[in-house]
Amino acid sequence: MKKILVIDDDEELNQLLTKYLAKFNFEVRTESHPFDGLKAIKRFLPDLIILDVMLPDMEGFDVLKEIRKDYTIPVVMLTARGEVTDRIVGLEIGADDYLPKPFEPRELAARIQTVLRRGTDSGQSEVKRFGRLTVNFKKHSAEIDGRSVDLTTAEFEILALLVKNEGRVLDRDQLLDHLRGIEWDVFSRSIDVLVSRLRKKLEDDPKRPQFIKTVRGTGYMFIGDSEND
């Protein structure tokens, strides 16, 4: 049974999600205050966190920053504002998905299942090396010069997809389809944000790329030379 932690000050919504997600065999714990939510992560050890942006005393974005200091647990953010800017900010600081309120519970359940599948359906078990970069598909991890790179689920999924399609240009729609797996409010800027964040963590200069090359007007291509060949 997968464990879901909901951090949202809407008690009615928390009760609804607890009952609804139980139908999908999720164990749900809810916290209405961000400080309590952060404490609950250590005790509950959730497989996924649902995090509201509008919280008392501490904005959801700040809560996400605190989470990302210690955890790579997938985070789905909720917001009543639904602005593209909010979604970009959330992605920049490590959110794995974004859902504006109001929403259908079944859509949230579908997104949760999609995000959780990313960590288990990599389809490969081998380790691939590209000079300084090592990608481990089984462990869902990456290293630079032997040092572990702290990647979110979405960042690793983009890296894995690019690596598996080494030398092939993937457009933003292809990357979005792979990340989401369901219909959603597409905004291609989200891919650029994630790739930018990934490059920074891989220490990859976009002007002189070692791993990810931008193909202007189209998308991105992985250009690392595999040592496995």
C-alpha atoms as a PDB file:
ATOM      1  CA  MET A   1       0.000   0.000   0.000  1.00  0.00           C
ATOM      2  CA  LYS A   2       1.452   3.361  -1.082  1.00  0.00           C
ATOM      3  CA  LYS A   3       1.360   6.205   1.438  1.00  0.00           C
ATOM      4  CA  ILE A   4       0.141   9.701   0.550  1.00  0.00           C
ATOM      5  CA  LEU A   5       0.660  12.774   2.741  1.00  0.00           C
ATOM      6  CA  VAL A   6      -1.719  15.682   2.094  1.00  0.00           C
ATOM      7  CA  ILE A   7      -0.656  19.130   3.373  1.00  0.00           C
ATOM      8  CA  ASP A   8      -3.669  21.396   2.919  1.00  0.00           C
ATOM      9  CA  ASP A   9      -5.612  23.655   5.301  1.00  0.00           C
ATOM     10  CA  ASP A  10      -8.945  22.748   3.663  1.00  0.00           C
ATOM     11  CA  GLU A  11     -10.256  20.183   6.157  1.00  0.00           C
ATOM     12  CA  GLU A  12     -13.238  19.296   3.987  1.00  0.00           C
ATOM     13  CA  LEU A  13     -10.963  18.542   1.027  1.00  0.00           C
ATOM     14  CA  ASN A  14      -8.668  16.497   3.262  1.00  0.00           C
ATOM     15  CA  GLN A  15     -11.552  14.314   4.379  1.00  0.00           C
ATOM     16  CA  LEU A  16     -12.740  13.896   0.792  1.00  0.00           C
ATOM     17  CA  LEU A  17      -9.270  12.874  -0.437  1.00  0.00           C
ATOM     18  CA  THR A  18      -8.755  10.463   2.454  1.00  0.00           C
ATOM     19  CA  LYS A  19     -11.940   8.591   1.561  1.00  0.00           C
ATOM     20  CA  TYR A  20     -11.557   8.820  -2.215  1.00  0.00           C
ATOM     21  CA  LEU A  21      -7.885   7.781  -2.441  1.00  0.00           C
ATOM     22  CA  ALA A  22      -8.537   4.826  -0.132  1.00  0.00           C
ATOM     23  CA  LYS A  23     -10.496   3.345  -3.059  1.00  0.00           C
ATOM     24  CA  PHE A  24      -7.187   3.162  -4.942  1.00  0.00           C
ATOM     25  CA  ASN A  25      -5.497   1.375  -2.030  1.00  0.00           C
ATOM     26  CA  PHE A  26      -3.619   4.480  -0.855  1.00  0.00           C
ATOM     27  CA  GLU A  27      -2.984   5.056   2.835  1.00  0.00           C
ATOM     28  CA  VAL A  28      -3.634   8.770   3.344  1.00  0.00           C
ATOM     29  CA  ARG A  29      -2.519  11.056   6.147  1.00  0.00           C
ATOM     30  CA  THR A  30      -3.493  14.729   6.200  1.00  0.00           C
ATOM     31  CA  GLU A  31      -2.027  17.780   7.922  1.00  0.00           C
ATOM     32  CA  SER A  32      -3.632  21.223   7.813  1.00  0.00           C
ATOM     33  CA  HIS A  33      -0.590  23.230   8.923  1.00  0.00           C
ATOM     34  CA  PRO A  34       2.712  23.306   6.995  1.00  0.00           C
ATOM     35  CA  PHE A  35       4.886  22.911  10.105  1.00  0.00           C
ATOM     36  CA  ASP A  36       2.947  19.783  11.099  1.00  0.00           C
ATOM     37  CA  GLY A  37       3.216  18.545   7.528  1.00  0.00           C
ATOM     38  CA  LEU A  38       7.003  18.858   7.516  1.00  0.00           C
ATOM     39  CA  LYS A  39       7.227  16.977  10.816  1.00  0.00           C
ATOM     40  CA  ALA A  40       4.907  14.257   9.488  1.00  0.00           C
ATOM     41  CA  ILE A  41       7.248  13.474   6.588  1.00  0.00           C
ATOM     42  CA  LYS A  42       9.866  12.017   8.947  1.00  0.00           C
ATOM     43  CA  ARG A  43       7.338   9.941  10.855  1.00  0.00           C
ATOM     44  CA  PHE A  44       5.046   8.848   8.024  1.00  0.00           C
ATOM     45  CA  LEU A  45       7.658   8.489   5.223  1.00  0.00           C
ATOM     46  CA  PRO A  46       5.135   9.007   2.389  1.00  0.00           C
ATOM     47  CA  ASP A  47       5.607   7.756  -1.164  1.00  0.00           C
ATOM     48  CA  LEU A  48       4.062  10.991  -2.473  1.00  0.00           C
ATOM     49  CA  ILE A  49       3.065  14.386  -1.071  1.00  0.00           C
ATOM     50  CA  ILE A  50       0.080  16.487  -2.131  1.00  0.00           C
ATOM     51  CA  LEU A  51       0.920  20.090  -1.231  1.00  0.00           C
ATOM     52  CA  ASP A  52      -1.306  23.155  -1.375  1.00  0.00           C
ATOM     53  CA  VAL A  53       0.272  26.478  -2.378  1.00  0.00           C
ATOM     54  CA  MET A  54      -1.945  28.657  -0.170  1.00  0.00           C
ATOM     55  CA  LEU A  55      -1.151  27.652   3.408  1.00  0.00           C
ATOM     56  CA  PRO A  56      -1.201  29.535   6.744  1.00  0.00           C
ATOM     57  CA  ASP A  57       2.086  30.939   8.100  1.00  0.00           C
ATOM     58  CA  MET A  58       4.195  29.386   5.326  1.00  0.00           C
ATOM     59  CA  GLU A  59       3.539  29.379   1.583  1.00  0.00           C
ATOM     60  CA  GLY A  60       3.511  26.052  -0.193  1.00  0.00           C
ATOM     61  CA  PHE A  61       6.520  27.030  -2.319  1.00  0.00           C
ATOM     62  CA  ASP A  62       8.569  27.521   0.860  1.00  0.00           C
ATOM     63  CA  VAL A  63       7.352  24.192   2.206  1.00  0.00           C
ATOM     64  CA  LEU A  64       8.498  22.558  -1.047  1.00  0.00           C
ATOM     65  CA  LYS A  65      11.940  24.147  -0.685  1.00  0.00           C
ATOM     66  CA  GLU A  66      12.212  22.678   2.804  1.00  0.00           C
ATOM     67  CA  ILE A  67      11.145  19.253   1.526  1.00  0.00           C
ATOM     68  CA  ARG A  68      13.719  19.345  -1.266  1.00  0.00           C
ATOM     69  CA  LYS A  69      16.546  19.995   1.185  1.00  0.00           C
ATOM     70  CA  ASP A  70      16.223  16.429   2.489  1.00  0.00           C
ATOM     71  CA  TYR A  71      13.884  14.427   0.255  1.00  0.00           C
ATOM     72  CA  THR A  72      13.263  13.509  -3.390  1.00  0.00           C
ATOM     73  CA  ILE A  73       9.726  12.322  -2.581  1.00  0.00           C
ATOM     74  CA  PRO A  74       7.393  13.165  -5.521  1.00  0.00           C
ATOM     75  CA  VAL A  75       5.279  16.269  -4.834  1.00  0.00           C
ATOM     76  CA  VAL A  76       2.013  17.200  -6.565  1.00  0.00           C
ATOM     77  CA  MET A  77       1.108  20.834  -5.907  1.00  0.00           C
ATOM     78  CA  LEU A  78      -2.423  22.243  -5.680  1.00  0.00           C
ATOM     79  CA  THR A  79      -3.388  25.878  -6.152  1.00  0.00           C
ATOM     80  CA  ALA A  80      -6.594  27.872  -6.320  1.00  0.00           C
ATOM     81  CA  ARG A  81      -4.856  30.475  -8.440  1.00  0.00           C
ATOM     82  CA  GLY A  82      -3.987  28.194 -11.352  1.00  0.00           C
ATOM     83  CA  GLU A  83      -1.623  30.708 -12.921  1.00  0.00           C
ATOM     84  CA  VAL A  84       1.089  29.534 -15.320  1.00  0.00           C
ATOM     85  CA  THR A  85       3.639  31.569 -13.333  1.00  0.00           C
ATOM     86  CA  ASP A  86       2.810  29.577 -10.199  1.00  0.00           C
ATOM     87  CA  ARG A  87       3.294  26.313 -12.045  1.00  0.00           C
ATOM     88  CA  ILE A  88       6.654  27.412 -13.421  1.00  0.00           C
ATOM     89  CA  VAL A  89       7.817  28.465  -9.959  1.00  0.00           C
ATOM     90  CA  GLY A  90       6.691  25.122  -8.552  1.00  0.00           C
ATOM     91  CA  LEU A  91       8.580  23.194 -11.216  1.00  0.00           C
ATOM     92  CA  GLU A  92      11.679  25.320 -10.740  1.00  0.00           C
ATOM     93  CA  ILE A  93      11.903  24.402  -7.070  1.00  0.00           C
ATOM     94  CA  GLY A  94      11.144  20.729  -7.501  1.00  0.00           C
ATOM     95  CA  ALA A  95       7.431  19.965  -7.953  1.00  0.00           C
ATOM     96  CA  ASP A  96       6.661  16.846  -9.994  1.00  0.00           C
ATOM     97  CA  ASP A  97       3.176  17.865 -11.112  1.00  0.00           C
ATOM     98  CA  TYR A  98       0.696  20.698 -10.689  1.00  0.00           C
ATOM     99  CA  LEU A  99      -3.098  20.700 -10.459  1.00  0.00           C
ATOM    100  CA  PRO A 100      -5.278  23.834 -10.220  1.00  0.00           C
ATOM    101  CA  LYS A 101      -8.307  23.921  -7.924  1.00  0.00           C
ATOM    102  CA  PRO A 102     -11.093  23.034  -8.272  1.00  0.00           C
ATOM    103  CA  PHE A 103     -10.272  19.595  -9.669  1.00  0.00           C
ATOM    104  CA  GLU A 104     -11.898  16.221 -10.098  1.00  0.00           C
ATOM    105  CA  PRO A 105     -10.593  13.727  -7.507  1.00  0.00           C
ATOM    106  CA  ARG A 106     -10.277  11.084 -10.226  1.00  0.00           C
ATOM    107  CA  GLU A 107      -7.893  13.369 -12.144  1.00  0.00           C
ATOM    108  CA  LEU A 108      -5.742  13.780  -9.045  1.00  0.00           C
ATOM    109  CA  ALA A 109      -5.748  10.002  -8.551  1.00  0.00           C
ATOM    110  CA  ALA A 110      -4.668   9.515 -12.170  1.00  0.00           C
ATOM    111  CA  ARG A 111      -1.830  11.994 -11.780  1.00  0.00           C
ATOM    112  CA  ILE A 112      -0.693  10.360  -8.537  1.00  0.00           C
ATOM    113  CA  GLN A 113      -0.564   6.969 -10.238  1.00  0.00           C
ATOM    114  CA  THR A 114       1.344   8.429 -13.188  1.00  0.00           C
ATOM    115  CA  VAL A 115       3.936  10.113 -10.970  1.00  0.00           C
ATOM    116  CA  LEU A 116       4.410   6.972  -8.872  1.00  0.00           C
ATOM    117  CA  ARG A 117       4.821   4.802 -11.998  1.00  0.00           C
ATOM    118  CA  ARG A 118       7.744   6.933 -13.118  1.00  0.00           C
ATOM    119  CA  GLY A 119       9.870   5.471 -10.335  1.00  0.00           C
ATOM    120  CA  THR A 120       9.048   1.844 -11.177  1.00  0.00           C
ATOM    121  CA  ASP A 121       8.508   1.595 -14.934  1.00  0.00           C
ATOM    122  CA  SER A 122      11.911   2.682 -16.176  1.00  0.00           C
ATOM    123  CA  GLY A 123      12.045  -0.404 -18.425  1.00  0.00           C
ATOM    124  CA  GLN A 124      15.811  -0.804 -18.042  1.00  0.00           C
ATOM    125  CA  SER A 125      18.031  -2.203 -15.314  1.00  0.00           C
ATOM    126  CA  GLU A 126      21.479  -1.412 -16.683  1.00  0.00           C
ATOM    127  CA  VAL A 127      23.822   1.378 -15.773  1.00  0.00           C
ATOM    128  CA  LYS A 128      24.954   3.666 -18.596  1.00  0.00           C
ATOM    129  CA  ARG A 129      28.052   5.853 -18.439  1.00  0.00           C
ATOM    130  CA  PHE A 130      28.798   8.961 -20.451  1.00  0.00           C
ATOM    131  CA  GLY A 131      32.171  10.304 -19.318  1.00  0.00           C
ATOM    132  CA  ARG A 132      31.520  12.144 -16.051  1.00  0.00           C
ATOM    133  CA  LEU A 133      27.859  11.087 -16.007  1.00  0.00           C
ATOM    134  CA  THR A 134      26.510   7.736 -14.805  1.00  0.00           C
ATOM    135  CA  VAL A 135      22.797   6.929 -15.114  1.00  0.00           C
ATOM    136  CA  ASN A 136      21.369   4.013 -13.137  1.00  0.00           C
ATOM    137  CA  PHE A 137      17.912   3.117 -14.462  1.00  0.00           C
ATOM    138  CA  LYS A 138      17.246   0.468 -11.829  1.00  0.00           C
ATOM    139  CA  LYS A 139      18.018   2.767  -8.905  1.00  0.00           C
ATOM    140  CA  HIS A 140      16.461   5.755 -10.646  1.00  0.00           C
ATOM    141  CA  SER A 141      19.597   7.777  -9.941  1.00  0.00           C
ATOM    142  CA  ALA A 142      22.477   9.648 -11.553  1.00  0.00           C
ATOM    143  CA  GLU A 143      26.038  10.544 -10.595  1.00  0.00           C
ATOM    144  CA  ILE A 144      28.533  13.160 -11.759  1.00  0.00           C
ATOM    145  CA  ASP A 145      32.183  12.298 -11.136  1.00  0.00           C
ATOM    146  CA  GLY A 146      31.016   9.628  -8.690  1.00  0.00           C
ATOM    147  CA  ARG A 147      28.901  12.104  -6.691  1.00  0.00           C
ATOM    148  CA  SER A 148      25.174  11.472  -6.386  1.00  0.00           C
ATOM    149  CA  VAL A 149      22.990  14.049  -8.186  1.00  0.00           C
ATOM    150  CA  ASP A 150      19.835  14.978  -6.264  1.00  0.00           C
ATOM    151  CA  LEU A 151      17.156  14.700  -8.973  1.00  0.00           C
ATOM    152  CA  THR A 152      13.404  14.937  -8.612  1.00  0.00           C
ATOM    153  CA  THR A 153      11.249  12.277 -10.259  1.00  0.00           C
ATOM    154  CA  ALA A 154      10.430  14.522 -13.216  1.00  0.00           C
ATOM    155  CA  GLU A 155      14.081  15.521 -13.719  1.00  0.00           C
ATOM    156  CA  PHE A 156      15.213  11.896 -13.762  1.00  0.00           C
ATOM    157  CA  GLU A 157      12.423  10.936 -16.164  1.00  0.00           C
ATOM    158  CA  ILE A 158      13.497  13.614 -18.640  1.00  0.00           C
ATOM    159  CA  LEU A 159      17.126  12.531 -18.341  1.00  0.00           C
ATOM    160  CA  ALA A 160      16.205   8.857 -18.753  1.00  0.00           C
ATOM    161  CA  LEU A 161      14.062   9.519 -21.823  1.00  0.00           C
ATOM    162  CA  LEU A 162      16.779  11.626 -23.469  1.00  0.00           C
ATOM    163  CA  VAL A 163      19.440   8.998 -22.686  1.00  0.00           C
ATOM    164  CA  LYS A 164      17.296   6.164 -24.074  1.00  0.00           C
ATOM    165  CA  ASN A 165      16.888   8.220 -27.264  1.00  0.00           C
ATOM    166  CA  GLU A 166      20.565   9.214 -27.483  1.00  0.00           C
ATOM    167  CA  GLY A 167      21.296  11.145 -30.689  1.00  0.00           C
ATOM    168  CA  ARG A 168      17.603  11.657 -31.466  1.00  0.00           C
ATOM    169  CA  VAL A 169      15.847  15.015 -31.194  1.00  0.00           C
ATOM    170  CA  LEU A 170      12.799  14.948 -28.897  1.00  0.00           C
ATOM    171  CA  ASP A 171      10.357  17.813 -29.119  1.00  0.00           C
ATOM    172  CA  ARG A 172       8.623  19.357 -26.128  1.00  0.00           C
ATOM    173  CA  ASP A 173       5.349  17.573 -26.820  1.00  0.00           C
ATOM    174  CA  GLN A 174       7.091  14.187 -26.691  1.00  0.00           C
ATOM    175  CA  LEU A 175       8.715  15.079 -23.394  1.00  0.00           C
ATOM    176  CA  LEU A 176       5.429  16.363 -21.968  1.00  0.00           C
ATOM    177  CA  ASP A 177       3.572  13.233 -23.061  1.00  0.00           C
ATOM    178  CA  HIS A 178       6.168  11.052 -21.359  1.00  0.00           C
ATOM    179  CA  LEU A 179       6.080  13.012 -18.122  1.00  0.00           C
ATOM    180  CA  ARG A 180       2.335  13.316 -17.780  1.00  0.00           C
ATOM    181  CA  GLY A 181       0.811  10.312 -19.454  1.00  0.00           C
ATOM    182  CA  ILE A 182      -2.618  11.940 -19.175  1.00  0.00           C
ATOM    183  CA  GLU A 183      -4.373  14.975 -20.592  1.00  0.00           C
ATOM    184  CA  TRP A 184      -3.457  18.175 -18.769  1.00  0.00           C
ATOM    185  CA  ASP A 185      -3.094  21.875 -19.291  1.00  0.00           C
ATOM    186  CA  VAL A 186       0.036  21.776 -21.429  1.00  0.00           C
ATOM    187  CA  PHE A 187       2.482  24.631 -21.303  1.00  0.00           C
ATOM    188  CA  SER A 188       5.762  23.887 -23.044  1.00  0.00           C
ATOM    189  CA  ARG A 189       7.670  26.347 -20.850  1.00  0.00           C
ATOM    190  CA  SER A 190       7.539  23.684 -18.118  1.00  0.00           C
ATOM    191  CA  ILE A 191       9.878  21.466 -20.136  1.00  0.00           C
ATOM    192  CA  ASP A 192      12.363  24.299 -20.567  1.00  0.00           C
ATOM    193  CA  VAL A 193      12.290  24.893 -16.810  1.00  0.00           C
ATOM    194  CA  LEU A 194      12.915  21.221 -16.039  1.00  0.00           C
ATOM    195  CA  VAL A 195      15.725  20.908 -18.586  1.00  0.00           C
ATOM    196  CA  SER A 196      17.352  24.078 -17.256  1.00  0.00           C
ATOM    197  CA  ARG A 197      17.189  22.701 -13.730  1.00  0.00           C
ATOM    198  CA  LEU A 198      18.547  19.334 -14.873  1.00  0.00           C
ATOM    199  CA  ARG A 199      21.456  20.940 -16.720  1.00  0.00           C
ATOM    200  CA  LYS A 200      22.394  22.928 -13.652  1.00  0.00           C
ATOM    201  CA  LYS A 201      22.511  19.778 -11.534  1.00  0.00           C
ATOM    202  CA  LEU A 202      24.545  17.937 -14.185  1.00  0.00           C
ATOM    203  CA  GLU A 203      26.924  20.916 -14.443  1.00  0.00           C
ATOM    204  CA  ASP A 204      26.159  21.016 -18.160  1.00  0.00           C
ATOM    205  CA  ASP A 205      26.768  24.382 -19.841  1.00  0.00           C
ATOM    206  CA  PRO A 206      24.003  24.924 -22.457  1.00  0.00           C
ATOM    207  CA  LYS A 207      26.429  26.974 -24.566  1.00  0.00           C
ATOM    208  CA  ARG A 208      28.946  24.123 -24.620  1.00  0.00           C
ATOM    209  CA  PRO A 209      26.854  21.068 -23.746  1.00  0.00           C
ATOM    210  CA  GLN A 210      28.383  17.729 -22.811  1.00  0.00           C
ATOM    211  CA  PHE A 211      25.068  15.949 -22.421  1.00  0.00           C
ATOM    212  CA  ILE A 212      21.929  17.866 -23.433  1.00  0.00           C
ATOM    213  CA  LYS A 213      21.848  19.922 -26.610  1.00  0.00           C
ATOM    214  CA  THR A 214      19.105  22.421 -27.455  1.00  0.00           C
ATOM    215  CA  VAL A 215      17.765  22.071 -30.984  1.00  0.00           C
ATOM    216  CA  ARG A 216      16.372  25.520 -31.654  1.00  0.00           C
ATOM    217  CA  GLY A 217      12.670  25.610 -32.449  1.00  0.00           C
ATOM    218  CA  THR A 218      12.269  21.879 -31.812  1.00  0.00           C
ATOM    219  CA  GLY A 219      13.409  20.467 -28.499  1.00  0.00           C
ATOM    220  CA  TYR A 220      16.375  18.646 -26.984  1.00  0.00           C
ATOM    221  CA  MET A 221      18.819  15.851 -27.793  1.00  0.00           C
ATOM    222  CA  PHE A 222      21.189  13.802 -25.629  1.00  0.00           C
ATOM    223  CA  ILE A 223      24.695  13.950 -27.119  1.00  0.00           C
ATOM    224  CA  GLY A 224      26.856  12.153 -24.503  1.00  0.00           C
ATOM    225  CA  ASP A 225      29.158   9.394 -25.803  1.00  0.00           C
ATOM    226  CA  SER A 226      28.226   6.141 -24.127  1.00  0.00           C
ATOM    227  CA  GLU A 227      31.060   4.084 -22.642  1.00  0.00           C
ATOM    228  CA  ASN A 228      28.786   1.012 -22.724  1.00  0.00           C
ATOM    229  CA  ASP A 229      28.965   0.681 -26.492  1.00  0.00           C
END
